[in-house]
Amino acid sequence: MTDNAFTQRLRALIGRNCCYFGRDCRIVEILPETDRDQGHLVLEAFDQLPPIQTDQFGQAVFRANEHIEVPIHGAQGDFSDELVHLLDSLDASHCRTR
């Protein structure tokens, strides 16, 4: 399967809930591979109390859900362990659903 075809299959997962290392998340975006960077899945974490976001001066502004970037490929060019863990969690029954 080409990278483009695989990326399209990953795009079909956007909006799905998952459990990423014990954290309830939703897949929100796929960042494709470029010449300078590998591809990533972007997750939005749903913590009970989201972290505080600051402005450019370090002042607390609001709370927002954290976004996590999961690498698609590992160092050897195969799928990263993080991606495999994430894909395994899509069918896990121990995660909350939103």
PDB file of N, CA and C in Angstrom:
ATOM      1  N   MET A   1       0.844  -1.168   0.000  1.00  0.00           N
ATOM      2  CA  MET A   1       0.000   0.000   0.000  1.00  0.00           C
ATOM      3  C   MET A   1       0.895   1.238   0.000  1.00  0.00           C
ATOM      4  N   THR A   2       0.595   2.176  -0.862  1.00  0.00           N
ATOM      5  CA  THR A   2       1.405   3.385  -0.917  1.00  0.00           C
ATOM      6  C   THR A   2       1.112   4.265   0.289  1.00  0.00           C
ATOM      7  N   ASP A   3       2.037   5.198   0.545  1.00  0.00           N
ATOM      8  CA  ASP A   3       1.834   6.112   1.672  1.00  0.00           C
ATOM      9  C   ASP A   3       0.566   6.923   1.506  1.00  0.00           C
ATOM     10  N   ASN A   4       0.272   7.341   0.268  1.00  0.00           N
ATOM     11  CA  ASN A   4      -0.923   8.128   0.026  1.00  0.00           C
ATOM     12  C   ASN A   4      -2.185   7.323   0.333  1.00  0.00           C
ATOM     13  N   ALA A   5      -2.229   6.074  -0.083  1.00  0.00           N
ATOM     14  CA  ALA A   5      -3.385   5.224   0.195  1.00  0.00           C
ATOM     15  C   ALA A   5      -3.520   4.972   1.692  1.00  0.00           C
ATOM     16  N   PHE A   6      -2.402   4.758   2.365  1.00  0.00           N
ATOM     17  CA  PHE A   6      -2.440   4.541   3.814  1.00  0.00           C
ATOM     18  C   PHE A   6      -2.914   5.800   4.533  1.00  0.00           C
ATOM     19  N   THR A   7      -2.438   6.950   4.096  1.00  0.00           N
ATOM     20  CA  THR A   7      -2.872   8.217   4.692  1.00  0.00           C
ATOM     21  C   THR A   7      -4.362   8.414   4.511  1.00  0.00           C
ATOM     22  N   GLN A   8      -4.892   8.053   3.353  1.00  0.00           N
ATOM     23  CA  GLN A   8      -6.336   8.163   3.119  1.00  0.00           C
ATOM     24  C   GLN A   8      -7.117   7.239   4.047  1.00  0.00           C
ATOM     25  N   ARG A   9      -6.604   6.051   4.299  1.00  0.00           N
ATOM     26  CA  ARG A   9      -7.276   5.137   5.240  1.00  0.00           C
ATOM     27  C   ARG A   9      -7.223   5.694   6.654  1.00  0.00           C
ATOM     28  N   LEU A  10      -6.105   6.338   7.012  1.00  0.00           N
ATOM     29  CA  LEU A  10      -6.027   6.970   8.322  1.00  0.00           C
ATOM     30  C   LEU A  10      -7.011   8.131   8.432  1.00  0.00           C
ATOM     31  N   ARG A  11      -7.193   8.878   7.337  1.00  0.00           N
ATOM     32  CA  ARG A  11      -8.138   9.998   7.353  1.00  0.00           C
ATOM     33  C   ARG A  11      -9.550   9.534   7.675  1.00  0.00           C
ATOM     34  N   ALA A  12      -9.885   8.313   7.324  1.00  0.00           N
ATOM     35  CA  ALA A  12     -11.210   7.778   7.628  1.00  0.00           C
ATOM     36  C   ALA A  12     -11.427   7.621   9.140  1.00  0.00           C
ATOM     37  N   LEU A  13     -10.335   7.643   9.909  1.00  0.00           N
ATOM     38  CA  LEU A  13     -10.443   7.502  11.365  1.00  0.00           C
ATOM     39  C   LEU A  13     -10.702   8.828  12.074  1.00  0.00           C
ATOM     40  N   ILE A  14     -10.629   9.941  11.366  1.00  0.00           N
ATOM     41  CA  ILE A  14     -10.846  11.241  11.994  1.00  0.00           C
ATOM     42  C   ILE A  14     -12.235  11.264  12.623  1.00  0.00           C
ATOM     43  N   GLY A  15     -12.273  11.687  13.870  1.00  0.00           N
ATOM     44  CA  GLY A  15     -13.531  11.730  14.619  1.00  0.00           C
ATOM     45  C   GLY A  15     -13.748  10.534  15.526  1.00  0.00           C
ATOM     46  N   ARG A  16     -12.938   9.494  15.358  1.00  0.00           N
ATOM     47  CA  ARG A  16     -13.076   8.296  16.195  1.00  0.00           C
ATOM     48  C   ARG A  16     -12.460   8.526  17.559  1.00  0.00           C
ATOM     49  N   ASN A  17     -13.101   7.989  18.594  1.00  0.00           N
ATOM     50  CA  ASN A  17     -12.562   8.033  19.945  1.00  0.00           C
ATOM     51  C   ASN A  17     -11.573   6.895  20.120  1.00  0.00           C
ATOM     52  N   CYS A  18     -10.577   7.121  20.966  1.00  0.00           N
ATOM     53  CA  CYS A  18      -9.576   6.100  21.228  1.00  0.00           C
ATOM     54  C   CYS A  18      -9.049   6.282  22.645  1.00  0.00           C
ATOM     55  N   CYS A  19      -8.254   5.321  23.065  1.00  0.00           N
ATOM     56  CA  CYS A  19      -7.615   5.381  24.373  1.00  0.00           C
ATOM     57  C   CYS A  19      -6.118   5.325  24.121  1.00  0.00           C
ATOM     58  N   TYR A  20      -5.416   6.427  24.383  1.00  0.00           N
ATOM     59  CA  TYR A  20      -3.987   6.520  24.104  1.00  0.00           C
ATOM     60  C   TYR A  20      -3.235   6.506  25.422  1.00  0.00           C
ATOM     61  N   PHE A  21      -2.643   5.385  25.744  1.00  0.00           N
ATOM     62  CA  PHE A  21      -1.911   5.180  26.994  1.00  0.00           C
ATOM     63  C   PHE A  21      -2.732   5.628  28.202  1.00  0.00           C
ATOM     64  N   GLY A  22      -3.985   5.178  28.233  1.00  0.00           N
ATOM     65  CA  GLY A  22      -4.867   5.440  29.367  1.00  0.00           C
ATOM     66  C   GLY A  22      -5.605   6.765  29.323  1.00  0.00           C
ATOM     67  N   ARG A  23      -5.394   7.562  28.307  1.00  0.00           N
ATOM     68  CA  ARG A  23      -6.068   8.861  28.186  1.00  0.00           C
ATOM     69  C   ARG A  23      -7.132   8.790  27.106  1.00  0.00           C
ATOM     70  N   ASP A  24      -8.325   9.258  27.431  1.00  0.00           N
ATOM     71  CA  ASP A  24      -9.403   9.303  26.454  1.00  0.00           C
ATOM     72  C   ASP A  24      -9.114  10.414  25.454  1.00  0.00           C
ATOM     73  N   CYS A  25      -9.157  10.054  24.174  1.00  0.00           N
ATOM     74  CA  CYS A  25      -8.810  10.999  23.110  1.00  0.00           C
ATOM     75  C   CYS A  25      -9.748  10.829  21.930  1.00  0.00           C
ATOM     76  N   ARG A  26      -9.642  11.777  21.003  1.00  0.00           N
ATOM     77  CA  ARG A  26     -10.329  11.700  19.717  1.00  0.00           C
ATOM     78  C   ARG A  26      -9.304  12.036  18.641  1.00  0.00           C
ATOM     79  N   ILE A  27      -9.337  11.312  17.530  1.00  0.00           N
ATOM     80  CA  ILE A  27      -8.457  11.606  16.393  1.00  0.00           C
ATOM     81  C   ILE A  27      -9.043  12.812  15.667  1.00  0.00           C
ATOM     82  N   VAL A  28      -8.240  13.880  15.546  1.00  0.00           N
ATOM     83  CA  VAL A  28      -8.769  15.111  14.953  1.00  0.00           C
ATOM     84  C   VAL A  28      -8.114  15.498  13.635  1.00  0.00           C
ATOM     85  N   GLU A  29      -6.928  14.988  13.333  1.00  0.00           N
ATOM     86  CA  GLU A  29      -6.265  15.378  12.080  1.00  0.00           C
ATOM     87  C   GLU A  29      -5.149  14.402  11.748  1.00  0.00           C
ATOM     88  N   ILE A  30      -4.824  14.331  10.457  1.00  0.00           N
ATOM     89  CA  ILE A  30      -3.680  13.571   9.973  1.00  0.00           C
ATOM     90  C   ILE A  30      -2.743  14.569   9.296  1.00  0.00           C
ATOM     91  N   LEU A  31      -1.511  14.649   9.784  1.00  0.00           N
ATOM     92  CA  LEU A  31      -0.517  15.511   9.159  1.00  0.00           C
ATOM     93  C   LEU A  31       0.350  14.636   8.256  1.00  0.00           C
ATOM     94  N   PRO A  32       0.294  14.832   6.942  1.00  0.00           N
ATOM     95  CA  PRO A  32       1.047  13.960   6.030  1.00  0.00           C
ATOM     96  C   PRO A  32       2.552  14.180   6.136  1.00  0.00           C
ATOM     97  N   GLU A  33       3.283  13.195   5.661  1.00  0.00           N
ATOM     98  CA  GLU A  33       4.748  13.260   5.648  1.00  0.00           C
ATOM     99  C   GLU A  33       5.211  14.302   4.635  1.00  0.00           C
ATOM    100  N   THR A  34       6.243  15.057   5.020  1.00  0.00           N
ATOM    101  CA  THR A  34       6.839  16.039   4.123  1.00  0.00           C
ATOM    102  C   THR A  34       8.326  15.708   3.987  1.00  0.00           C
ATOM    103  N   ASP A  35       9.034  16.518   3.217  1.00  0.00           N
ATOM    104  CA  ASP A  35      10.475  16.305   3.060  1.00  0.00           C
ATOM    105  C   ASP A  35      11.221  16.514   4.367  1.00  0.00           C
ATOM    106  N   ARG A  36      10.713  17.393   5.228  1.00  0.00           N
ATOM    107  CA  ARG A  36      11.409  17.733   6.461  1.00  0.00           C
ATOM    108  C   ARG A  36      10.866  17.040   7.698  1.00  0.00           C
ATOM    109  N   ASP A  37       9.667  16.463   7.628  1.00  0.00           N
ATOM    110  CA  ASP A  37       9.052  15.906   8.830  1.00  0.00           C
ATOM    111  C   ASP A  37       8.256  14.660   8.480  1.00  0.00           C
ATOM    112  N   GLN A  38       8.222  13.739   9.438  1.00  0.00           N
ATOM    113  CA  GLN A  38       7.412  12.546   9.232  1.00  0.00           C
ATOM    114  C   GLN A  38       5.949  12.872   9.500  1.00  0.00           C
ATOM    115  N   GLY A  39       5.050  12.003   9.066  1.00  0.00           N
ATOM    116  CA  GLY A  39       3.631  12.211   9.277  1.00  0.00           C
ATOM    117  C   GLY A  39       3.218  11.942  10.719  1.00  0.00           C
ATOM    118  N   HIS A  40       2.127  12.560  11.141  1.00  0.00           N
ATOM    119  CA  HIS A  40       1.611  12.398  12.500  1.00  0.00           C
ATOM    120  C   HIS A  40       0.096  12.293  12.486  1.00  0.00           C
ATOM    121  N   LEU A  41      -0.451  11.582  13.474  1.00  0.00           N
ATOM    122  CA  LEU A  41      -1.864  11.658  13.805  1.00  0.00           C
ATOM    123  C   LEU A  41      -1.973  12.657  14.933  1.00  0.00           C
ATOM    124  N   VAL A  42      -2.975  13.508  14.888  1.00  0.00           N
ATOM    125  CA  VAL A  42      -3.180  14.483  15.955  1.00  0.00           C
ATOM    126  C   VAL A  42      -4.385  14.046  16.769  1.00  0.00           C
ATOM    127  N   LEU A  43      -4.178  13.932  18.082  1.00  0.00           N
ATOM    128  CA  LEU A  43      -5.234  13.537  19.005  1.00  0.00           C
ATOM    129  C   LEU A  43      -5.601  14.715  19.886  1.00  0.00           C
ATOM    130  N   GLU A  44      -6.863  14.791  20.257  1.00  0.00           N
ATOM    131  CA  GLU A  44      -7.316  15.753  21.251  1.00  0.00           C
ATOM    132  C   GLU A  44      -7.626  14.972  22.518  1.00  0.00           C
ATOM    133  N   ALA A  45      -6.926  15.281  23.604  1.00  0.00           N
ATOM    134  CA  ALA A  45      -7.098  14.563  24.861  1.00  0.00           C
ATOM    135  C   ALA A  45      -8.244  15.182  25.656  1.00  0.00           C
ATOM    136  N   PHE A  46      -9.048  14.313  26.275  1.00  0.00           N
ATOM    137  CA  PHE A  46     -10.173  14.763  27.090  1.00  0.00           C
ATOM    138  C   PHE A  46      -9.875  14.470  28.550  1.00  0.00           C
ATOM    139  N   ASP A  47      -9.107  15.334  29.176  1.00  0.00           N
ATOM    140  CA  ASP A  47      -8.811  15.185  30.591  1.00  0.00           C
ATOM    141  C   ASP A  47      -9.946  15.811  31.394  1.00  0.00           C
ATOM    142  N   GLN A  48     -10.079  15.380  32.662  1.00  0.00           N
ATOM    143  CA  GLN A  48     -11.157  15.921  33.483  1.00  0.00           C
ATOM    144  C   GLN A  48     -11.010  17.422  33.667  1.00  0.00           C
ATOM    145  N   LEU A  49      -9.795  17.884  33.840  1.00  0.00           N
ATOM    146  CA  LEU A  49      -9.534  19.308  33.971  1.00  0.00           C
ATOM    147  C   LEU A  49      -8.438  19.667  32.972  1.00  0.00           C
ATOM    148  N   PRO A  50      -8.820  20.268  31.834  1.00  0.00           N
ATOM    149  CA  PRO A  50      -7.811  20.578  30.810  1.00  0.00           C
ATOM    150  C   PRO A  50      -6.745  21.527  31.351  1.00  0.00           C
ATOM    151  N   PRO A  51      -5.546  21.465  30.792  1.00  0.00           N
ATOM    152  CA  PRO A  51      -4.474  22.357  31.248  1.00  0.00           C
ATOM    153  C   PRO A  51      -4.773  23.815  30.905  1.00  0.00           C
ATOM    154  N   ILE A  52      -4.167  24.703  31.655  1.00  0.00           N
ATOM    155  CA  ILE A  52      -4.330  26.139  31.442  1.00  0.00           C
ATOM    156  C   ILE A  52      -3.419  26.575  30.296  1.00  0.00           C
ATOM    157  N   GLN A  53      -3.985  27.310  29.361  1.00  0.00           N
ATOM    158  CA  GLN A  53      -3.219  27.875  28.249  1.00  0.00           C
ATOM    159  C   GLN A  53      -2.794  29.286  28.636  1.00  0.00           C
ATOM    160  N   THR A  54      -1.610  29.667  28.234  1.00  0.00           N
ATOM    161  CA  THR A  54      -1.112  31.004  28.555  1.00  0.00           C
ATOM    162  C   THR A  54      -0.963  31.839  27.300  1.00  0.00           C
ATOM    163  N   ASP A  55      -0.940  33.151  27.504  1.00  0.00           N
ATOM    164  CA  ASP A  55      -0.684  34.049  26.375  1.00  0.00           C
ATOM    165  C   ASP A  55       0.823  34.232  26.210  1.00  0.00           C
ATOM    166  N   GLN A  56       1.229  35.112  25.313  1.00  0.00           N
ATOM    167  CA  GLN A  56       2.655  35.296  25.024  1.00  0.00           C
ATOM    168  C   GLN A  56       3.437  35.876  26.190  1.00  0.00           C
ATOM    169  N   PHE A  57       2.728  36.396  27.204  1.00  0.00           N
ATOM    170  CA  PHE A  57       3.394  36.964  28.370  1.00  0.00           C
ATOM    171  C   PHE A  57       3.386  36.022  29.565  1.00  0.00           C
ATOM    172  N   GLY A  58       2.861  34.800  29.369  1.00  0.00           N
ATOM    173  CA  GLY A  58       2.833  33.812  30.436  1.00  0.00           C
ATOM    174  C   GLY A  58       1.637  33.940  31.365  1.00  0.00           C
ATOM    175  N   GLN A  59       0.687  34.786  31.027  1.00  0.00           N
ATOM    176  CA  GLN A  59      -0.503  34.972  31.850  1.00  0.00           C
ATOM    177  C   GLN A  59      -1.550  33.912  31.483  1.00  0.00           C
ATOM    178  N   ALA A  60      -2.199  33.354  32.502  1.00  0.00           N
ATOM    179  CA  ALA A  60      -3.252  32.367  32.272  1.00  0.00           C
ATOM    180  C   ALA A  60      -4.405  33.022  31.521  1.00  0.00           C
ATOM    181  N   VAL A  61      -4.874  32.339  30.475  1.00  0.00           N
ATOM    182  CA  VAL A  61      -5.935  32.901  29.651  1.00  0.00           C
ATOM    183  C   VAL A  61      -7.189  32.034  29.721  1.00  0.00           C
ATOM    184  N   PHE A  62      -7.060  30.744  29.423  1.00  0.00           N
ATOM    185  CA  PHE A  62      -8.207  29.843  29.405  1.00  0.00           C
ATOM    186  C   PHE A  62      -7.721  28.407  29.495  1.00  0.00           C
ATOM    187  N   ARG A  63      -8.661  27.508  29.647  1.00  0.00           N
ATOM    188  CA  ARG A  63      -8.350  26.081  29.644  1.00  0.00           C
ATOM    189  C   ARG A  63      -8.717  25.506  28.275  1.00  0.00           C
ATOM    190  N   ALA A  64      -7.896  24.609  27.774  1.00  0.00           N
ATOM    191  CA  ALA A  64      -8.157  23.986  26.482  1.00  0.00           C
ATOM    192  C   ALA A  64      -7.611  22.562  26.497  1.00  0.00           C
ATOM    193  N   ASN A  65      -8.248  21.701  25.747  1.00  0.00           N
ATOM    194  CA  ASN A  65      -7.791  20.318  25.656  1.00  0.00           C
ATOM    195  C   ASN A  65      -6.416  20.259  25.002  1.00  0.00           C
ATOM    196  N   GLU A  66      -5.590  19.350  25.501  1.00  0.00           N
ATOM    197  CA  GLU A  66      -4.249  19.164  24.958  1.00  0.00           C
ATOM    198  C   GLU A  66      -4.322  18.412  23.631  1.00  0.00           C
ATOM    199  N   HIS A  67      -3.446  18.756  22.708  1.00  0.00           N
ATOM    200  CA  HIS A  67      -3.324  18.036  21.442  1.00  0.00           C
ATOM    201  C   HIS A  67      -2.009  17.260  21.460  1.00  0.00           C
ATOM    202  N   ILE A  68      -2.080  16.006  21.048  1.00  0.00           N
ATOM    203  CA  ILE A  68      -0.940  15.093  21.075  1.00  0.00           C
ATOM    204  C   ILE A  68      -0.648  14.671  19.635  1.00  0.00           C
ATOM    205  N   GLU A  69       0.625  14.742  19.234  1.00  0.00           N
ATOM    206  CA  GLU A  69       1.017  14.273  17.907  1.00  0.00           C
ATOM    207  C   GLU A  69       1.647  12.896  18.033  1.00  0.00           C
ATOM    208  N   VAL A  70       1.067  11.932  17.330  1.00  0.00           N
ATOM    209  CA  VAL A  70       1.545  10.546  17.342  1.00  0.00           C
ATOM    210  C   VAL A  70       2.254  10.284  16.018  1.00  0.00           C
ATOM    211  N   PRO A  71       3.547   9.931  16.050  1.00  0.00           N
ATOM    212  CA  PRO A  71       4.264   9.674  14.791  1.00  0.00           C
ATOM    213  C   PRO A  71       3.694   8.442  14.079  1.00  0.00           C
ATOM    214  N   ILE A  72       3.613   8.527  12.765  1.00  0.00           N
ATOM    215  CA  ILE A  72       3.094   7.393  11.982  1.00  0.00           C
ATOM    216  C   ILE A  72       4.186   6.356  11.772  1.00  0.00           C
ATOM    217  N   HIS A  73       5.395   6.784  11.458  1.00  0.00           N
ATOM    218  CA  HIS A  73       6.493   5.861  11.187  1.00  0.00           C
ATOM    219  C   HIS A  73       7.533   5.913  12.285  1.00  0.00           C
ATOM    220  N   GLY A  74       8.161   4.757  12.542  1.00  0.00           N
ATOM    221  CA  GLY A  74       9.234   4.680  13.516  1.00  0.00           C
ATOM    222  C   GLY A  74      10.581   4.948  12.878  1.00  0.00           C
ATOM    223  N   ALA A  75      11.626   4.741  13.641  1.00  0.00           N
ATOM    224  CA  ALA A  75      12.990   5.024  13.175  1.00  0.00           C
ATOM    225  C   ALA A  75      13.405   4.115  12.019  1.00  0.00           C
ATOM    226  N   GLN A  76      12.908   2.905  11.981  1.00  0.00           N
ATOM    227  CA  GLN A  76      13.282   1.955  10.931  1.00  0.00           C
ATOM    228  C   GLN A  76      12.424   2.072   9.679  1.00  0.00           C
ATOM    229  N   GLY A  77      11.460   3.016   9.675  1.00  0.00           N
ATOM    230  CA  GLY A  77      10.587   3.176   8.520  1.00  0.00           C
ATOM    231  C   GLY A  77       9.307   2.374   8.621  1.00  0.00           C
ATOM    232  N   ASP A  78       9.195   1.524   9.640  1.00  0.00           N
ATOM    233  CA  ASP A  78       7.963   0.769   9.846  1.00  0.00           C
ATOM    234  C   ASP A  78       7.006   1.618  10.674  1.00  0.00           C
ATOM    235  N   PHE A  79       5.852   1.060  11.034  1.00  0.00           N
ATOM    236  CA  PHE A  79       4.894   1.806  11.847  1.00  0.00           C
ATOM    237  C   PHE A  79       5.443   1.995  13.251  1.00  0.00           C
ATOM    238  N   SER A  80       5.217   3.166  13.821  1.00  0.00           N
ATOM    239  CA  SER A  80       5.725   3.450  15.163  1.00  0.00           C
ATOM    240  C   SER A  80       4.948   2.646  16.201  1.00  0.00           C
ATOM    241  N   ASP A  81       5.593   2.369  17.325  1.00  0.00           N
ATOM    242  CA  ASP A  81       4.938   1.650  18.417  1.00  0.00           C
ATOM    243  C   ASP A  81       3.737   2.433  18.929  1.00  0.00           C
ATOM    244  N   GLU A  82       3.847   3.759  18.935  1.00  0.00           N
ATOM    245  CA  GLU A  82       2.745   4.597  19.397  1.00  0.00           C
ATOM    246  C   GLU A  82       1.530   4.449  18.492  1.00  0.00           C
ATOM    247  N   LEU A  83       1.748   4.399  17.173  1.00  0.00           N
ATOM    248  CA  LEU A  83       0.647   4.236  16.231  1.00  0.00           C
ATOM    249  C   LEU A  83      -0.006   2.875  16.404  1.00  0.00           C
ATOM    250  N   VAL A  84       0.787   1.833  16.556  1.00  0.00           N
ATOM    251  CA  VAL A  84       0.248   0.485  16.745  1.00  0.00           C
ATOM    252  C   VAL A  84      -0.590   0.437  18.014  1.00  0.00           C
ATOM    253  N   HIS A  85      -0.091   1.052  19.095  1.00  0.00           N
ATOM    254  CA  HIS A  85      -0.844   1.101  20.343  1.00  0.00           C
ATOM    255  C   HIS A  85      -2.184   1.828  20.138  1.00  0.00           C
ATOM    256  N   LEU A  86      -2.143   2.931  19.420  1.00  0.00           N
ATOM    257  CA  LEU A  86      -3.355   3.706  19.161  1.00  0.00           C
ATOM    258  C   LEU A  86      -4.363   2.909  18.350  1.00  0.00           C
ATOM    259  N   LEU A  87      -3.909   2.256  17.287  1.00  0.00           N
ATOM    260  CA  LEU A  87      -4.820   1.476  16.450  1.00  0.00           C
ATOM    261  C   LEU A  87      -5.406   0.304  17.218  1.00  0.00           C
ATOM    262  N   ASP A  88      -4.627  -0.293  18.108  1.00  0.00           N
ATOM    263  CA  ASP A  88      -5.151  -1.372  18.949  1.00  0.00           C
ATOM    264  C   ASP A  88      -6.228  -0.870  19.897  1.00  0.00           C
ATOM    265  N   SER A  89      -6.129   0.385  20.309  1.00  0.00           N
ATOM    266  CA  SER A  89      -7.068   0.927  21.291  1.00  0.00           C
ATOM    267  C   SER A  89      -8.391   1.333  20.679  1.00  0.00           C
ATOM    268  N   LEU A  90      -8.494   1.389  19.372  1.00  0.00           N
ATOM    269  CA  LEU A  90      -9.746   1.837  18.746  1.00  0.00           C
ATOM    270  C   LEU A  90     -10.911   0.922  19.085  1.00  0.00           C
ATOM    271  N   ASP A  91     -10.642  -0.341  19.291  1.00  0.00           N
ATOM    272  CA  ASP A  91     -11.707  -1.280  19.612  1.00  0.00           C
ATOM    273  C   ASP A  91     -11.735  -1.653  21.091  1.00  0.00           C
ATOM    274  N   ALA A  92     -10.934  -0.974  21.902  1.00  0.00           N
ATOM    275  CA  ALA A  92     -10.864  -1.303  23.323  1.00  0.00           C
ATOM    276  C   ALA A  92     -12.169  -0.914  24.010  1.00  0.00           C
ATOM    277  N   SER A  93     -12.627  -1.768  24.874  1.00  0.00           N
ATOM    278  CA  SER A  93     -13.878  -1.509  25.570  1.00  0.00           C
ATOM    279  C   SER A  93     -13.673  -0.805  26.892  1.00  0.00           C
ATOM    280  N   HIS A  94     -12.414  -0.629  27.331  1.00  0.00           N
ATOM    281  CA  HIS A  94     -12.168  -0.018  28.629  1.00  0.00           C
ATOM    282  C   HIS A  94     -12.101   1.500  28.580  1.00  0.00           C
ATOM    283  N   CYS A  95     -12.267   2.091  27.422  1.00  0.00           N
ATOM    284  CA  CYS A  95     -12.224   3.553  27.303  1.00  0.00           C
ATOM    285  C   CYS A  95     -13.624   4.142  27.394  1.00  0.00           C
ATOM    286  N   ARG A  96     -13.679   5.353  27.888  1.00  0.00           N
ATOM    287  CA  ARG A  96     -14.950   6.067  27.891  1.00  0.00           C
ATOM    288  C   ARG A  96     -15.309   6.432  26.462  1.00  0.00           C
ATOM    289  N   THR A  97     -16.554   6.642  26.219  1.00  0.00           N
ATOM    290  CA  THR A  97     -16.985   7.161  24.930  1.00  0.00           C
ATOM    291  C   THR A  97     -17.573   8.538  25.158  1.00  0.00           C
ATOM    292  N   ARG A  98     -17.391   9.380  24.209  1.00  0.00           N
ATOM    293  CA  ARG A  98     -17.915  10.743  24.307  1.00  0.00           C
ATOM    294  C   ARG A  98     -19.071  10.892  23.382  1.00  0.00           C
TER     295      ARG A  98
END
